[in-house]
Structure formats: structure tokens, C-alpha cells
N, C-alpha and C. Protein backbone atom coordinates (compact mmCIF):
# COMPACT_ATOMS: atom_id res chain seq x y z
N UNK A 1 59.49 104.12 118.44
CA UNK A 1 59.99 104.94 117.77
C UNK A 1 61.27 105.38 117.75
N UNK A 2 61.62 105.47 119.30
CA UNK A 2 62.60 105.65 120.25
C UNK A 2 64.15 105.31 119.47
N UNK A 3 63.66 104.18 119.59
CA UNK A 3 64.52 102.87 119.30
C UNK A 3 64.97 102.69 117.51
N UNK A 4 63.74 102.64 116.94
CA UNK A 4 63.99 103.25 115.66
C UNK A 4 65.35 103.97 115.25
N UNK A 5 65.01 105.36 115.70
CA UNK A 5 66.08 106.23 115.65
C UNK A 5 67.29 105.91 116.37
N UNK A 6 67.07 105.89 116.94
CA UNK A 6 68.65 105.35 118.12
C UNK A 6 69.78 104.44 117.28
N UNK A 7 68.92 103.52 116.56
CA UNK A 7 69.35 102.00 116.25
C UNK A 7 69.84 102.63 114.48
N UNK A 8 69.23 103.53 113.55
CA UNK A 8 69.76 104.20 112.90
C UNK A 8 70.38 105.10 112.90
N UNK A 9 70.53 105.75 113.86
CA UNK A 9 71.30 106.90 114.17
C UNK A 9 72.99 106.12 114.47
N UNK A 10 72.70 105.08 115.09
CA UNK A 10 74.24 104.15 114.88
C UNK A 10 74.50 103.95 114.16
N UNK A 11 73.62 103.21 113.17
CA UNK A 11 73.90 102.58 111.63
C UNK A 11 75.00 103.61 110.85
N UNK A 12 74.07 105.24 110.77
CA UNK A 12 74.65 105.96 110.11
C UNK A 12 75.74 106.10 110.65
N UNK A 13 76.17 106.67 111.77
CA UNK A 13 77.58 107.15 112.28
C UNK A 13 78.38 105.87 111.98
N UNK A 14 78.16 104.47 112.23
CA UNK A 14 79.15 103.79 111.79
C UNK A 14 79.85 103.04 110.81
N UNK A 15 78.66 103.39 109.62
CA UNK A 15 78.96 103.38 108.15
C UNK A 15 80.36 103.88 107.97
N UNK A 16 80.77 105.06 107.90
CA UNK A 16 82.25 105.74 107.59
C UNK A 16 83.38 104.88 108.30
N UNK A 17 83.31 104.22 109.47
CA UNK A 17 84.30 103.62 110.43
C UNK A 17 84.69 101.99 109.46
N UNK A 18 83.39 102.05 109.11
CA UNK A 18 83.36 99.90 108.82
C UNK A 18 84.44 99.99 107.43
N UNK A 19 84.16 101.11 106.21
CA UNK A 19 85.27 100.68 104.96
C UNK A 19 86.59 100.94 105.64
N UNK A 20 86.79 102.15 106.15
CA UNK A 20 88.57 103.07 106.71
C UNK A 20 88.98 101.67 107.36
N UNK A 21 88.71 101.02 108.73
CA UNK A 21 89.33 99.84 109.07
C UNK A 21 89.73 98.95 108.64
N UNK A 22 88.75 98.81 107.64
CA UNK A 22 88.90 97.42 106.64
C UNK A 22 90.07 97.17 105.89
N UNK A 23 90.17 98.63 105.33
CA UNK A 23 91.02 98.60 104.18
C UNK A 23 92.20 99.33 104.94
N UNK A 24 92.88 99.64 105.71
CA UNK A 24 93.91 100.38 106.37
C UNK A 24 95.57 99.15 106.56
N UNK A 25 96.43 99.48 106.03
CA UNK A 25 97.67 98.85 106.35
C UNK A 25 98.81 99.62 106.41
N UNK A 26 100.15 98.94 106.90
CA UNK A 26 101.08 99.76 107.35
C UNK A 26 101.56 100.31 106.59
N UNK A 27 102.09 101.59 106.59
CA UNK A 27 103.04 102.54 105.60
C UNK A 27 104.31 102.78 106.60
N UNK A 28 104.95 101.69 106.92
CA UNK A 28 106.46 102.26 107.93
C UNK A 28 107.53 101.86 106.76
N UNK A 29 108.59 103.00 106.68
CA UNK A 29 109.44 102.74 105.59
C UNK A 29 110.32 101.70 106.23
N UNK A 30 110.69 100.58 105.70
CA UNK A 30 111.27 99.76 106.02
C UNK A 30 112.80 100.04 106.33
N UNK A 31 113.39 100.11 107.68
CA UNK A 31 114.57 100.63 108.06
C UNK A 31 115.90 99.84 107.56
N UNK A 32 115.70 99.20 106.82
CA UNK A 32 117.09 98.18 106.40
C UNK A 32 116.95 98.07 104.66
N UNK A 33 116.01 99.49 104.20
CA UNK A 33 115.88 99.70 103.26
C UNK A 33 117.22 100.50 102.48
N UNK A 34 117.86 99.54 101.00
CA UNK A 34 119.04 100.13 100.23
C UNK A 34 118.81 101.88 99.84
N UNK A 35 117.58 102.33 99.92
CA UNK A 35 117.22 103.37 99.04
C UNK A 35 116.80 103.97 100.45
N UNK A 36 117.58 105.29 100.31
CA UNK A 36 117.17 106.33 101.56
C UNK A 36 115.47 106.58 101.78
N UNK A 37 115.06 106.85 100.83
CA UNK A 37 113.15 106.73 100.79
C UNK A 37 112.61 106.69 99.15
N UNK A 38 111.37 106.57 99.17
CA UNK A 38 110.84 106.73 97.82
C UNK A 38 109.59 105.78 98.19
N UNK A 39 109.43 105.40 96.95
CA UNK A 39 107.86 104.43 96.52
C UNK A 39 108.07 103.05 96.75
N UNK A 40 107.54 102.71 97.70
CA UNK A 40 107.85 101.17 97.74
C UNK A 40 106.72 100.31 97.97
N UNK A 41 107.14 98.62 97.87
CA UNK A 41 106.11 98.12 97.70
C UNK A 41 106.97 96.40 98.71
N UNK A 42 106.38 96.46 99.81
CA UNK A 42 107.34 95.44 100.88
C UNK A 42 106.44 93.91 100.51
N UNK A 43 106.90 93.25 99.93
CA UNK A 43 106.22 92.18 99.46
C UNK A 43 106.64 90.25 99.56
N UNK A 44 105.93 89.33 99.60
CA UNK A 44 106.26 88.08 99.52
C UNK A 44 106.01 87.72 98.25
N UNK A 45 106.78 87.35 97.31
CA UNK A 45 106.26 86.76 96.01
C UNK A 45 107.37 85.55 96.24
N UNK A 46 106.47 85.16 94.55
CA UNK A 46 107.02 83.62 94.45
C UNK A 46 108.36 83.60 93.88
N UNK A 47 109.41 82.33 94.01
CA UNK A 47 110.35 82.44 93.95
C UNK A 47 111.54 83.03 95.03
N UNK A 48 111.58 84.44 95.07
CA UNK A 48 112.10 85.12 95.85
C UNK A 48 112.06 85.04 97.13
N UNK A 49 110.85 85.25 98.04
CA UNK A 49 110.31 85.17 99.37
C UNK A 49 110.20 86.87 99.55
N UNK A 50 110.58 87.14 100.91
CA UNK A 50 110.24 88.49 100.81
C UNK A 50 111.15 89.58 100.06
N UNK A 51 110.43 90.91 99.44
CA UNK A 51 111.12 91.37 98.53
C UNK A 51 110.87 93.14 98.64
N UNK A 52 111.50 93.62 98.47
CA UNK A 52 111.14 95.34 98.60
C UNK A 52 111.28 95.77 97.02
N UNK A 53 110.41 96.18 96.71
CA UNK A 53 110.20 96.87 94.96
C UNK A 53 109.76 98.04 94.94
N UNK A 54 111.26 99.21 94.54
CA UNK A 54 110.76 100.42 94.36
C UNK A 54 110.51 100.95 92.90
N UNK A 55 109.38 101.35 92.91
CA UNK A 55 108.29 102.12 91.34
C UNK A 55 108.79 103.75 91.55
N UNK A 56 109.36 104.03 90.70
CA UNK A 56 109.26 105.47 90.08
C UNK A 56 108.57 106.35 91.16
N UNK A 57 108.18 107.54 91.34
CA UNK A 57 107.29 108.02 92.14
C UNK A 57 106.04 108.63 90.96
N UNK A 58 106.44 108.76 90.09
CA UNK A 58 105.23 109.05 89.13
C UNK A 58 104.03 107.98 89.37
N UNK A 59 104.23 107.19 89.92
CA UNK A 59 103.56 105.83 89.45
C UNK A 59 102.79 105.29 91.09
N UNK A 60 102.96 106.13 92.20
CA UNK A 60 102.27 106.29 93.26
C UNK A 60 101.15 105.88 93.49
N UNK A 61 100.56 106.87 92.97
CA UNK A 61 98.90 106.83 93.15
C UNK A 61 98.34 106.58 91.66
N UNK A 62 97.58 105.57 91.81
CA UNK A 62 96.38 104.85 91.00
C UNK A 62 96.95 104.68 89.56
N UNK A 63 98.38 103.67 89.65
CA UNK A 63 98.58 103.31 88.62
C UNK A 63 98.44 101.94 88.46
N UNK A 64 98.80 101.11 89.73
CA UNK A 64 98.86 99.76 89.80
C UNK A 64 97.49 99.09 90.82
N UNK A 65 96.94 97.72 90.67
CA UNK A 65 95.90 97.34 90.89
C UNK A 65 96.37 96.38 91.33
N UNK A 66 95.22 95.25 91.23
CA UNK A 66 95.51 93.71 91.30
C UNK A 66 94.62 92.97 90.50
N UNK A 67 95.17 91.60 90.35
CA UNK A 67 94.27 90.69 89.90
C UNK A 67 93.09 90.22 90.94
N UNK A 68 91.91 90.29 89.92
CA UNK A 68 90.59 89.99 91.05
C UNK A 68 91.18 88.73 91.61
N UNK A 69 90.50 89.13 93.09
CA UNK A 69 90.53 88.10 94.02
C UNK A 69 91.58 87.65 94.79
N UNK A 70 93.00 88.35 94.28
CA UNK A 70 94.62 88.32 94.74
C UNK A 70 95.07 89.28 95.28
N UNK A 71 96.20 89.47 95.70
CA UNK A 71 97.39 90.48 96.09
C UNK A 71 98.25 90.79 94.89
N UNK A 72 98.06 89.81 93.52
CA UNK A 72 98.97 90.09 92.69
C UNK A 72 98.88 91.30 91.77
N UNK A 73 99.87 92.10 92.31
CA UNK A 73 100.06 93.58 91.56
C UNK A 73 99.91 93.13 90.00
N UNK A 74 99.24 94.33 89.50
CA UNK A 74 99.37 94.12 87.91
C UNK A 74 99.51 96.00 87.42
N UNK A 75 100.20 96.16 86.77
CA UNK A 75 100.27 97.58 85.88
C UNK A 75 98.85 98.33 85.30
N UNK A 76 98.29 98.68 85.22
CA UNK A 76 96.75 99.30 84.79
C UNK A 76 97.46 100.52 83.76
N UNK A 77 98.22 100.71 83.84
CA UNK A 77 98.97 101.90 82.96
C UNK A 77 98.98 101.67 81.47
N UNK A 78 99.51 102.65 80.69
CA UNK A 78 99.38 102.22 79.03
C UNK A 78 101.32 102.30 78.80
N UNK A 79 101.74 102.22 79.95
CA UNK A 79 103.37 101.75 79.70
C UNK A 79 104.07 101.22 80.78
N UNK A 80 105.30 100.34 80.59
CA UNK A 80 106.13 99.94 81.24
C UNK A 80 106.33 100.31 82.38
N UNK A 81 106.34 100.31 83.43
CA UNK A 81 106.88 100.38 84.88
C UNK A 81 108.16 99.82 85.26
N UNK A 82 109.56 100.40 85.17
CA UNK A 82 110.69 99.88 85.42
C UNK A 82 110.76 100.23 87.00
N UNK A 83 111.61 98.91 87.90
CA UNK A 83 111.47 98.86 89.32
C UNK A 83 112.89 98.63 89.79
N UNK A 84 113.19 98.83 91.01
CA UNK A 84 114.44 97.91 91.39
C UNK A 84 113.98 97.30 92.46
N UNK A 85 114.28 96.12 92.32
CA UNK A 85 113.40 94.59 93.42
C UNK A 85 114.86 94.58 94.24
N UNK A 86 114.89 94.12 95.32
CA UNK A 86 115.83 93.99 96.37
C UNK A 86 115.44 92.87 97.05
N UNK A 87 115.87 91.67 97.28
CA UNK A 87 115.69 90.39 98.25
C UNK A 87 116.85 90.10 99.14
N UNK A 88 116.56 88.95 99.50
CA UNK A 88 117.39 88.24 100.92
C UNK A 88 117.60 89.13 101.70
N UNK A 89 118.49 88.34 102.82
CA UNK A 89 118.87 89.26 104.10
C UNK A 89 119.19 90.57 104.29
N UNK A 90 118.40 91.35 104.37
CA UNK A 90 118.84 93.03 104.55
C UNK A 90 118.53 93.76 103.17
N UNK A 91 117.70 92.58 101.95
CA UNK A 91 117.43 93.32 100.65
C UNK A 91 118.98 93.73 100.08
N UNK A 92 120.04 92.39 100.10
CA UNK A 92 121.61 92.76 99.64
C UNK A 92 121.42 91.77 98.18
N UNK A 93 120.42 91.48 97.64
CA UNK A 93 120.36 90.89 96.27
C UNK A 93 119.52 91.82 95.40
N UNK A 94 120.19 92.52 94.31
CA UNK A 94 118.97 93.48 93.20
C UNK A 94 119.15 92.76 91.73
N UNK A 95 117.39 93.04 91.66
CA UNK A 95 117.64 92.72 90.46
C UNK A 95 116.68 93.89 89.63
N UNK A 96 116.63 93.92 88.06
CA UNK A 96 115.87 94.46 87.83
C UNK A 96 114.55 94.00 87.80
N UNK A 97 113.10 95.02 87.57
CA UNK A 97 112.37 94.20 87.86
C UNK A 97 111.36 95.20 86.82
N UNK A 98 110.22 94.87 86.28
CA UNK A 98 109.25 95.78 85.57
C UNK A 98 107.68 95.32 86.23
N UNK A 99 106.94 96.19 85.35
CA UNK A 99 105.45 95.53 85.15
C UNK A 99 105.15 95.89 83.86
N UNK A 100 104.62 95.34 83.13
CA UNK A 100 104.57 95.49 81.69
C UNK A 100 103.32 95.87 81.62
N UNK A 101 102.91 96.64 80.12
CA UNK A 101 101.63 97.51 80.25
C UNK A 101 100.24 96.36 80.53
N UNK A 102 100.04 96.84 81.16
CA UNK A 102 98.55 95.33 81.39
C UNK A 102 99.56 94.13 81.97
N UNK A 103 100.30 94.30 82.43
CA UNK A 103 101.16 92.86 83.03
C UNK A 103 101.21 93.11 84.72
N UNK A 104 101.81 91.97 84.81
CA UNK A 104 102.24 92.09 86.66
C UNK A 104 103.83 91.91 86.10
N UNK A 105 104.22 91.64 87.68
CA UNK A 105 105.55 91.55 87.95
C UNK A 105 106.61 90.84 87.43
N UNK A 106 107.73 91.37 86.98
CA UNK A 106 108.94 90.08 86.60
C UNK A 106 110.04 90.65 86.61
N UNK A 107 110.90 89.94 87.06
CA UNK A 107 112.18 90.39 87.15
C UNK A 107 113.47 89.78 86.23
N UNK A 108 114.57 90.41 86.07
CA UNK A 108 115.32 90.15 84.94
C UNK A 108 116.65 89.00 85.77
N UNK A 109 116.76 87.84 85.27
CA UNK A 109 118.01 87.18 86.19
C UNK A 109 118.56 86.15 85.14
N UNK A 110 120.06 85.75 85.73
CA UNK A 110 120.74 84.99 85.43
C UNK A 110 120.28 83.74 85.42
N UNK A 111 119.81 83.23 84.10
CA UNK A 111 119.56 81.57 84.36
C UNK A 111 120.24 80.49 83.86
N UNK A 112 121.54 81.05 83.24
CA UNK A 112 122.69 80.46 82.60
C UNK A 112 124.34 80.44 82.62
N UNK A 113 124.47 80.91 83.45
CA UNK A 113 125.50 81.88 83.32
C UNK A 113 125.96 83.00 83.06
N UNK A 114 125.70 83.40 81.46
CA UNK A 114 125.62 84.49 80.91
C UNK A 114 124.21 85.08 80.47
N UNK A 115 122.97 84.19 80.26
CA UNK A 115 121.82 84.15 79.37
C UNK A 115 120.76 84.79 80.79
N UNK A 116 120.65 85.58 80.26
CA UNK A 116 119.26 86.42 81.17
C UNK A 116 117.97 86.64 80.43
N UNK A 117 117.28 86.38 81.60
CA UNK A 117 115.32 86.81 81.00
C UNK A 117 114.42 86.92 81.84
N UNK A 118 113.57 87.25 81.57
CA UNK A 118 112.50 87.95 82.08
C UNK A 118 111.89 87.01 82.62
N UNK A 119 111.29 86.75 83.88
CA UNK A 119 110.77 85.49 84.21
C UNK A 119 109.31 86.39 84.97
N UNK A 120 108.41 85.75 85.66
CA UNK A 120 107.55 86.12 86.01
C UNK A 120 107.21 86.39 87.29
N UNK A 121 106.62 86.98 88.57
CA UNK A 121 106.51 87.11 90.06
C UNK A 121 105.40 87.12 90.01
N UNK A 122 104.75 86.39 91.37
CA UNK A 122 103.37 86.47 91.71
C UNK A 122 103.42 86.83 92.74
N UNK A 123 103.23 88.04 93.23
CA UNK A 123 102.98 88.69 94.62
C UNK A 123 101.78 88.07 95.27
N UNK A 124 102.10 87.46 96.61
CA UNK A 124 101.03 86.45 97.21
C UNK A 124 101.02 87.40 98.21
N UNK A 125 101.64 88.38 98.80
CA UNK A 125 101.05 89.30 99.86
C UNK A 125 101.77 90.86 100.03
N UNK A 126 100.98 91.49 100.54
CA UNK A 126 101.52 92.89 100.75
C UNK A 126 101.55 93.29 101.85
N UNK A 127 103.22 93.40 102.79
CA UNK A 127 102.91 93.77 103.99
C UNK A 127 103.21 94.92 104.52
N UNK A 128 103.62 95.92 103.33
CA UNK A 128 103.69 97.33 103.63
C UNK A 128 104.17 98.31 102.68
N UNK A 129 103.68 99.37 102.53
CA UNK A 129 103.64 99.90 100.97
C UNK A 129 102.90 101.51 101.45
N UNK A 130 103.64 101.98 100.35
CA UNK A 130 102.86 103.49 100.23
C UNK A 130 102.31 103.85 98.70
N UNK A 131 101.85 102.75 98.25
CA UNK A 131 101.63 102.63 96.71
C UNK A 131 99.89 102.97 97.35
N UNK A 132 99.07 103.92 96.31
CA UNK A 132 97.86 103.66 96.33
C UNK A 132 97.44 102.85 95.07
N UNK A 133 96.76 102.13 95.69
CA UNK A 133 96.38 101.41 94.25
C UNK A 133 95.01 101.53 93.86
N UNK A 134 94.40 101.07 92.88
CA UNK A 134 93.05 101.11 92.34
C UNK A 134 93.01 99.90 92.49
N UNK A 135 91.29 99.77 92.97
CA UNK A 135 90.89 98.59 93.69
C UNK A 135 89.43 98.62 94.15
N UNK A 136 88.43 98.26 93.12
CA UNK A 136 87.04 98.57 93.07
C UNK A 136 86.62 97.21 93.48
N UNK A 137 87.41 96.34 94.79
CA UNK A 137 86.93 94.65 94.79
C UNK A 137 86.75 95.25 96.60
N UNK A 138 86.11 94.06 97.18
CA UNK A 138 86.49 94.39 98.62
C UNK A 138 87.22 93.22 99.13
N UNK A 139 88.16 92.57 98.33
CA UNK A 139 88.70 91.34 98.67
C UNK A 139 89.64 91.68 99.33
N UNK A 140 90.72 92.87 98.51
CA UNK A 140 92.11 93.30 98.52
C UNK A 140 91.89 94.51 99.94
N UNK A 141 93.00 94.31 100.99
CA UNK A 141 92.81 95.45 101.63
C UNK A 141 94.07 96.35 101.88
N UNK A 142 94.48 97.22 100.92
CA UNK A 142 95.44 97.96 100.29
C UNK A 142 94.96 99.45 100.74
N UNK A 143 95.03 99.99 101.51
CA UNK A 143 94.81 101.74 101.23
C UNK A 143 95.46 102.65 102.08
N UNK A 144 95.81 103.73 102.01
CA UNK A 144 96.59 104.34 102.20
C UNK A 144 95.39 105.10 103.74
N UNK A 145 95.51 104.78 104.57
CA UNK A 145 94.97 105.71 105.69
C UNK A 145 95.52 105.84 107.40
N UNK A 146 95.61 107.21 107.23
CA UNK A 146 96.90 107.49 108.45
C UNK A 146 95.42 107.29 109.51
N UNK A 147 96.76 106.46 110.37
CA UNK A 147 96.08 106.07 112.09
C UNK A 147 95.46 107.23 112.81
N UNK A 148 96.29 108.44 112.49
CA UNK A 148 95.51 109.33 112.88
C UNK A 148 94.14 109.63 112.43
N UNK A 149 93.57 109.70 111.10
CA UNK A 149 92.43 109.76 110.97
C UNK A 149 91.76 108.82 111.64
N UNK A 150 92.21 107.60 111.37
CA UNK A 150 90.84 106.30 111.96
C UNK A 150 90.94 106.68 113.54
N UNK A 151 91.86 107.67 114.10
CA UNK A 151 91.68 107.93 115.53
C UNK A 151 90.05 108.83 115.77
N UNK A 152 90.37 109.71 114.61
CA UNK A 152 89.49 110.70 115.17
C UNK A 152 88.72 110.75 114.72
N UNK A 153 87.84 109.57 113.43
CA UNK A 153 87.41 109.23 112.84
C UNK A 153 86.15 108.55 114.46
N UNK A 154 87.03 107.41 115.05
CA UNK A 154 86.19 107.16 116.07
C UNK A 154 85.74 107.64 117.15
N UNK A 155 86.74 108.56 117.43
CA UNK A 155 86.39 109.70 118.25
C UNK A 155 85.67 110.65 118.16
N UNK A 156 85.10 111.56 116.92
CA UNK A 156 83.90 111.81 116.43
C UNK A 156 82.72 110.77 116.65
N UNK A 157 83.00 109.37 115.90
CA UNK A 157 81.74 108.57 115.86
C UNK A 157 81.04 108.21 117.41
N UNK A 158 82.11 107.99 118.51
CA UNK A 158 82.09 107.70 119.67
C UNK A 158 80.88 108.96 120.25
N UNK A 159 81.60 110.26 119.99
CA UNK A 159 80.99 111.89 120.63
C UNK A 159 79.71 111.47 119.84
N UNK A 160 79.28 111.75 118.79
CA UNK A 160 77.58 111.53 118.17
C UNK A 160 77.33 110.73 118.94
N UNK A 161 77.49 109.00 119.12
CA UNK A 161 76.48 108.63 119.69
C UNK A 161 75.97 108.60 121.29
N UNK A 162 77.10 109.28 121.80
CA UNK A 162 76.83 109.77 123.04
C UNK A 162 75.81 110.81 123.14
N UNK A 163 75.79 111.80 122.11
CA UNK A 163 74.98 112.93 122.25
C UNK A 163 73.38 112.46 121.48
N UNK A 164 73.48 111.25 120.36
CA UNK A 164 71.89 110.85 120.58
C UNK A 164 71.66 110.25 121.47
N UNK A 165 72.44 109.96 122.36
CA UNK A 165 71.65 108.85 123.56
C UNK A 165 71.38 109.59 124.31
N UNK A 166 71.94 111.03 124.52
CA UNK A 166 71.55 111.88 125.64
C UNK A 166 70.39 112.65 124.50
N UNK A 167 70.16 112.73 123.61
CA UNK A 167 68.91 113.35 122.94
C UNK A 167 67.75 112.26 123.27
N UNK A 168 68.29 111.69 123.25
CA UNK A 168 66.81 110.62 123.17
C UNK A 168 66.55 109.87 124.66
N UNK A 169 67.54 109.95 125.68
CA UNK A 169 66.96 109.83 127.38
C UNK A 169 66.33 111.03 127.39
N UNK A 170 66.49 112.44 127.08
CA UNK A 170 65.80 113.87 127.68
C UNK A 170 64.96 113.60 127.08
N UNK A 171 64.45 113.01 125.97
CA UNK A 171 62.91 113.65 125.49
C UNK A 171 62.13 112.22 125.91
């Protein structure tokens, strides 16, 4: 009976830790960003490689999501989200970008001298962001969890396990 209580207690204490640690990524504002602050996604995309995308601050929380099974970002809102996109070394190349209503990332570029058009970009991976994505799947690993919270949670979990072990040994 003691073993069952012990394993059930350990499992109960570890459940909150598993999703938090699996869903944490970095949120370190890029040092070489052309804008001093803001809502950003640092990603690798088709055609342009590593890019830095700035979205308006009102779209930071629960406005963007992913195409199922990928890290390709999609706008799940009812309005087009206009963005600034920077690419190249130290992000010196500027492009207008957007996420259309229920659409993925597109950028506006010059394809024939003076002709411009919108072309799609696929987000292959996200390295760094402060955007809170809507994600109900387990494949994507993008959530904002401060490392201090993870450390506090691990500390409380370990202390709880020690208390349970001491109680079991005492009986």
C-alpha cells in the first residue's frame, strides 16, 4: 500500500512539470534587431532563411496559431495582420509582410524591376519569440514560460517528493 501511495504521489507531483518543460522556448530579444522593442518572431523561412518578423502589439496574445503538425504560422483572426520583416546579415533587408485573414505569412517583393507581388513564405522553425500562440496540439513547442517559473515549480516538486518520502518512512 505504501508503494502505491508513493508512486501515485510522485506521479501527481510530476504531472505539472512535464507540459511546462516541454513547451518552453527562449524569449531573448534579439540584440541586433532594427527596432528597439516590440512583438517579434525570429524564424527560419523558405526563400529568405533567417528572418525577424515584427507584428503589432495587439496581436501578441492568442491571435496566431500553426498549421496542424507544423511550425508554419497562421493568422486565426478575422483581420489581416500587417508586419515588418527583416532578413539578411544583421537584418538589413526590409520587406512588408502580412498574415491574411486565416492565412499564412506572405511578403511583398520586387520580382521584375518595378513589378511587386505578394509571395508566400513557409515558417520552417521558430528560434525565438515573445508571441503567445494558440495551440491545442502536442507537436508544437511554443509557449512563453519564464525560466524562473520552471525553477520554482521544480523546487516545489522536489520538496513535495521529499516530504512524501519522509512521511512514508515515518510510518
